[in-house]
Amino acid sequence: MRISVSSDMDEPVARSLVTELRSRGHEVLTHGALKPGDNTQWSFCSEAAAREVEAGTSDQAVVCCWTGTGASIAANKVPGVRAALCTDAYTADGARRWNDANVLALSLRLTSEPLLKEILDAWFAAQAGGDADDRENVAHIGRLDLGRTGP
């Protein structure tokens, strides 16, 4: 799987993220502080990673900033992106299963290396579920991306 990764700071957890994804066999495209000469502002590098998901040049993305909040907000502005800020494995599982999230947002401040591995395990083990209500909610989000509401 090709995964875009962005971080606004060159922090140990961001470097561990890239290493961990590669060790799991993923191709990693880096942005922000993880790519020399790139724009390191969280809104710009998170957008760059999310745009690759939108364009289909990446299957998923992981966006990071100090709290993870700004990175998730920026990524969610890109049409077709469903970014979820996950601080534990249970949330990561639910984000994939119920929300069909395609971008994982992480806090550089709160995510330790062991927790990172737990979150990634849950994220990659889960798939979008088939529950009709969940599918309708995801479809509604897609319509919101297009500026339309309602069924």
Protein backbone atom coordinates (compact mmCIF):
# COMPACT_ATOMS: atom_id res chain seq x y z
CA MET A 1 0.00 0.00 0.00
CA ARG A 2 1.21 3.53 -0.73
CA ILE A 3 0.84 5.85 2.25
CA SER A 4 1.50 9.59 2.39
CA VAL A 5 2.88 10.80 5.71
CA SER A 6 3.17 14.38 6.89
CA SER A 7 4.50 15.98 10.04
CA ASP A 8 5.07 19.61 10.87
CA MET A 9 7.95 18.68 13.19
CA ASP A 10 10.82 16.24 12.93
CA GLU A 11 9.95 14.38 16.12
CA PRO A 12 10.99 10.85 17.12
CA VAL A 13 7.43 9.53 16.81
CA ALA A 14 7.16 10.90 13.25
CA ARG A 15 10.41 9.19 12.27
CA SER A 16 9.24 5.99 13.99
CA LEU A 17 6.00 6.19 12.04
CA VAL A 18 7.83 6.23 8.71
CA THR A 19 10.12 3.39 9.80
CA GLU A 20 7.21 1.32 11.10
CA LEU A 21 5.16 1.76 7.93
CA ARG A 22 8.11 0.76 5.75
CA SER A 23 8.81 -2.28 7.96
CA ARG A 24 5.21 -3.35 7.34
CA GLY A 25 5.88 -3.28 3.61
CA HIS A 26 4.21 0.01 2.74
CA GLU A 27 5.62 2.54 0.29
CA VAL A 28 5.84 5.86 2.13
CA LEU A 29 5.70 9.34 0.58
CA THR A 30 6.82 12.02 3.04
CA HIS A 31 5.82 15.66 3.48
CA GLY A 32 6.64 18.56 5.76
CA ALA A 33 9.49 18.16 8.23
CA LEU A 34 10.01 14.60 6.99
CA LYS A 35 10.99 15.84 3.53
CA PRO A 36 13.94 18.27 3.37
CA GLY A 37 12.99 21.58 1.78
CA ASP A 38 9.24 20.96 2.07
CA ASN A 39 6.78 23.38 3.73
CA THR A 40 6.62 22.36 7.40
CA GLN A 41 3.49 24.26 8.38
CA TRP A 42 0.88 21.76 9.54
CA SER A 43 -1.89 23.03 7.27
CA PHE A 44 0.29 22.83 4.17
CA CYS A 45 1.95 19.47 4.75
CA SER A 46 -1.30 17.84 5.92
CA GLU A 47 -3.05 19.13 2.82
CA ALA A 48 -0.25 17.75 0.60
CA ALA A 49 -0.63 14.26 2.07
CA ALA A 50 -4.43 14.40 1.85
CA ARG A 51 -4.32 15.60 -1.77
CA GLU A 52 -2.44 12.43 -2.69
CA VAL A 53 -5.32 10.39 -1.25
CA GLU A 54 -7.80 12.56 -3.16
CA ALA A 55 -5.83 12.05 -6.40
CA GLY A 56 -5.49 8.31 -5.84
CA THR A 57 -1.70 8.44 -5.86
CA SER A 58 -1.77 7.24 -2.24
CA ASP A 59 -4.14 4.71 -0.75
CA GLN A 60 -4.15 6.35 2.67
CA ALA A 61 -2.33 9.03 4.62
CA VAL A 62 -1.12 9.67 8.15
CA VAL A 63 -0.92 13.33 9.15
CA CYS A 64 0.78 14.54 12.33
CA CYS A 65 1.10 17.74 14.30
CA TRP A 66 1.63 18.49 17.99
CA THR A 67 -2.00 17.78 19.00
CA GLY A 68 -3.14 16.12 15.77
CA THR A 69 -6.11 18.46 15.67
CA GLY A 70 -4.81 20.95 13.10
CA ALA A 71 -3.53 18.17 10.86
CA SER A 72 -6.94 16.47 10.91
CA ILE A 73 -8.79 19.73 10.23
CA ALA A 74 -6.55 20.54 7.25
CA ALA A 75 -6.82 17.03 5.81
CA ASN A 76 -10.61 17.04 6.16
CA LYS A 77 -10.85 20.14 3.97
CA VAL A 78 -9.75 18.01 1.00
CA PRO A 79 -12.74 16.45 -0.82
CA GLY A 80 -13.02 12.70 -0.39
CA VAL A 81 -10.83 12.65 2.70
CA ARG A 82 -12.18 11.29 5.96
CA ALA A 83 -9.45 12.02 8.50
CA ALA A 84 -9.76 10.73 12.05
CA LEU A 85 -7.70 11.89 15.02
CA CYS A 86 -6.92 8.70 16.90
CA THR A 87 -5.27 8.56 20.31
CA ASP A 88 -5.83 4.85 20.94
CA ALA A 89 -6.32 1.57 19.11
CA TYR A 90 -10.06 1.37 19.81
CA THR A 91 -10.66 4.74 18.16
CA ALA A 92 -8.50 3.75 15.16
CA ASP A 93 -10.49 0.54 14.73
CA GLY A 94 -13.79 2.40 14.91
CA ALA A 95 -12.64 5.12 12.54
CA ARG A 96 -11.89 2.53 9.87
CA ARG A 97 -14.85 0.24 10.61
CA TRP A 98 -17.67 2.75 11.12
CA ASN A 99 -16.40 5.88 9.36
CA ASP A 100 -14.34 4.35 6.52
CA ALA A 101 -11.58 6.81 7.45
CA ASN A 102 -8.80 7.02 4.87
CA VAL A 103 -6.50 9.40 6.74
CA LEU A 104 -5.16 8.79 10.23
CA ALA A 105 -4.28 11.88 12.26
CA LEU A 106 -1.86 11.52 15.16
CA SER A 107 -0.68 13.72 17.99
CA LEU A 108 3.09 14.02 18.20
CA ARG A 109 2.68 14.98 21.86
CA LEU A 110 0.48 12.09 22.99
CA THR A 111 1.65 9.19 20.83
CA SER A 112 4.41 7.01 22.24
CA GLU A 113 6.16 4.40 20.11
CA PRO A 114 4.31 1.44 21.72
CA LEU A 115 0.99 3.27 21.34
CA LEU A 116 1.83 4.10 17.72
CA LYS A 117 2.22 0.38 16.95
CA GLU A 118 -1.09 -0.43 18.67
CA ILE A 119 -2.89 2.28 16.70
CA LEU A 120 -1.36 1.11 13.40
CA ASP A 121 -2.22 -2.53 14.17
CA ALA A 122 -5.86 -1.59 14.73
CA TRP A 123 -5.98 0.80 11.76
CA PHE A 124 -4.68 -1.76 9.27
CA ALA A 125 -6.62 -4.71 10.71
CA ALA A 126 -10.00 -2.98 10.41
CA GLN A 127 -11.96 -2.47 7.21
CA ALA A 128 -15.05 -0.47 6.43
CA GLY A 129 -18.07 -2.34 7.71
CA GLY A 130 -21.22 -3.10 5.80
CA ASP A 131 -23.74 -1.69 8.26
CA ALA A 132 -26.34 0.24 6.24
CA ASP A 133 -26.46 3.20 8.65
CA ASP A 134 -22.66 3.52 8.62
CA ARG A 135 -22.57 3.36 4.81
CA GLU A 136 -25.30 6.04 4.59
CA ASN A 137 -23.36 8.29 6.95
CA VAL A 138 -20.22 7.93 4.83
CA ALA A 139 -22.25 8.62 1.68
CA HIS A 140 -23.69 11.73 3.33
CA ILE A 141 -20.18 12.98 4.05
CA GLY A 142 -19.39 12.53 0.35
CA ARG A 143 -22.40 14.67 -0.54
CA LEU A 144 -21.23 17.33 1.92
CA ASP A 145 -17.91 17.38 0.03
CA LEU A 146 -19.92 18.28 -3.07
CA GLY A 147 -21.86 21.00 -1.25
CA ARG A 148 -25.07 18.99 -1.23
CA THR A 149 -27.03 17.76 1.74
CA GLY A 150 -29.82 15.31 2.26
CA PRO A 151 -30.14 11.76 0.95
